[in-house]
Amino acid sequence: MVHERAAVSVDDLTLYPLFTEEIIGLMRALIPAARQRTVATSIVVTAELREGASPE
């Protein structure tokens, strides 16, 4: 089940240790300012394993 979808900006990416300062700087330099507000989409989902189902 999808609970939430949200746009992720370059500024949002600075909050997570996934990208170095150099990469963030490169994104700011190469991605046009108007597009920096939506460089990715965050999706929050939940799932459950049905009784008797194999996780493989």
C-alpha atoms as a PDB file:
ATOM      1  CA  MET A   1       0.000   0.000   0.000  1.00  0.00           C
ATOM      2  CA  VAL A   2       1.363   3.421  -0.957  1.00  0.00           C
ATOM      3  CA  HIS A   3       1.015   5.842   1.954  1.00  0.00           C
ATOM      4  CA  GLU A   4       2.790   8.915   0.633  1.00  0.00           C
ATOM      5  CA  ARG A   5       4.487  10.363  -2.433  1.00  0.00           C
ATOM      6  CA  ALA A   6       6.515  13.554  -2.180  1.00  0.00           C
ATOM      7  CA  ALA A   7       8.870  15.525  -4.387  1.00  0.00           C
ATOM      8  CA  VAL A   8      12.500  15.597  -3.215  1.00  0.00           C
ATOM      9  CA  SER A   9      14.661  18.655  -3.899  1.00  0.00           C
ATOM     10  CA  VAL A  10      18.421  19.073  -4.000  1.00  0.00           C
ATOM     11  CA  ASP A  11      18.086  20.870  -0.644  1.00  0.00           C
ATOM     12  CA  ASP A  12      16.295  17.807   0.776  1.00  0.00           C
ATOM     13  CA  LEU A  13      19.149  15.576  -0.362  1.00  0.00           C
ATOM     14  CA  THR A  14      21.584  17.484   1.864  1.00  0.00           C
ATOM     15  CA  LEU A  15      19.735  16.091   4.906  1.00  0.00           C
ATOM     16  CA  TYR A  16      20.820  12.520   4.103  1.00  0.00           C
ATOM     17  CA  PRO A  17      24.377  11.121   4.038  1.00  0.00           C
ATOM     18  CA  LEU A  18      23.854   9.589   0.589  1.00  0.00           C
ATOM     19  CA  PHE A  19      25.593  12.384  -1.321  1.00  0.00           C
ATOM     20  CA  THR A  20      28.832  14.222  -0.571  1.00  0.00           C
ATOM     21  CA  GLU A  21      29.051  18.010  -0.549  1.00  0.00           C
ATOM     22  CA  GLU A  22      30.884  17.754  -3.874  1.00  0.00           C
ATOM     23  CA  ILE A  23      28.024  15.818  -5.484  1.00  0.00           C
ATOM     24  CA  ILE A  24      25.436  18.238  -4.101  1.00  0.00           C
ATOM     25  CA  GLY A  25      27.505  21.111  -5.527  1.00  0.00           C
ATOM     26  CA  LEU A  26      27.652  19.340  -8.889  1.00  0.00           C
ATOM     27  CA  MET A  27      23.862  18.884  -8.855  1.00  0.00           C
ATOM     28  CA  ARG A  28      23.380  22.573  -8.091  1.00  0.00           C
ATOM     29  CA  ALA A  29      25.710  23.492 -10.954  1.00  0.00           C
ATOM     30  CA  LEU A  30      24.309  21.114 -13.570  1.00  0.00           C
ATOM     31  CA  ILE A  31      20.585  20.927 -12.785  1.00  0.00           C
ATOM     32  CA  PRO A  32      18.679  24.081 -13.782  1.00  0.00           C
ATOM     33  CA  ALA A  33      17.346  26.008 -10.760  1.00  0.00           C
ATOM     34  CA  ALA A  34      13.723  25.446 -11.792  1.00  0.00           C
ATOM     35  CA  ARG A  35      14.259  21.653 -11.749  1.00  0.00           C
ATOM     36  CA  GLN A  36      16.150  21.488  -8.440  1.00  0.00           C
ATOM     37  CA  ARG A  37      12.860  21.429  -6.515  1.00  0.00           C
ATOM     38  CA  THR A  38      11.911  18.018  -7.927  1.00  0.00           C
ATOM     39  CA  VAL A  39      14.944  15.857  -8.655  1.00  0.00           C
ATOM     40  CA  ALA A  40      13.421  12.694  -7.174  1.00  0.00           C
ATOM     41  CA  THR A  41      10.261  11.242  -5.660  1.00  0.00           C
ATOM     42  CA  SER A  42      10.029   9.764  -2.185  1.00  0.00           C
ATOM     43  CA  ILE A  43       7.508   6.950  -1.831  1.00  0.00           C
ATOM     44  CA  VAL A  44       6.480   5.422   1.500  1.00  0.00           C
ATOM     45  CA  VAL A  45       4.940   1.953   1.213  1.00  0.00           C
ATOM     46  CA  THR A  46       4.034  -0.955   3.455  1.00  0.00           C
ATOM     47  CA  ALA A  47       3.760  -4.598   2.576  1.00  0.00           C
ATOM     48  CA  GLU A  48       2.965  -7.790   4.384  1.00  0.00           C
ATOM     49  CA  LEU A  49       3.706 -11.410   3.767  1.00  0.00           C
ATOM     50  CA  ARG A  50       0.550 -13.472   3.306  1.00  0.00           C
ATOM     51  CA  GLU A  51       0.116 -16.408   5.650  1.00  0.00           C
ATOM     52  CA  GLY A  52       1.755 -19.458   4.158  1.00  0.00           C
ATOM     53  CA  ALA A  53       3.653 -17.467   1.505  1.00  0.00           C
ATOM     54  CA  SER A  54       7.405 -17.852   1.103  1.00  0.00           C
ATOM     55  CA  PRO A  55       9.519 -14.660   1.421  1.00  0.00           C
ATOM     56  CA  GLU A  56      11.645 -15.778  -1.549  1.00  0.00           C
END
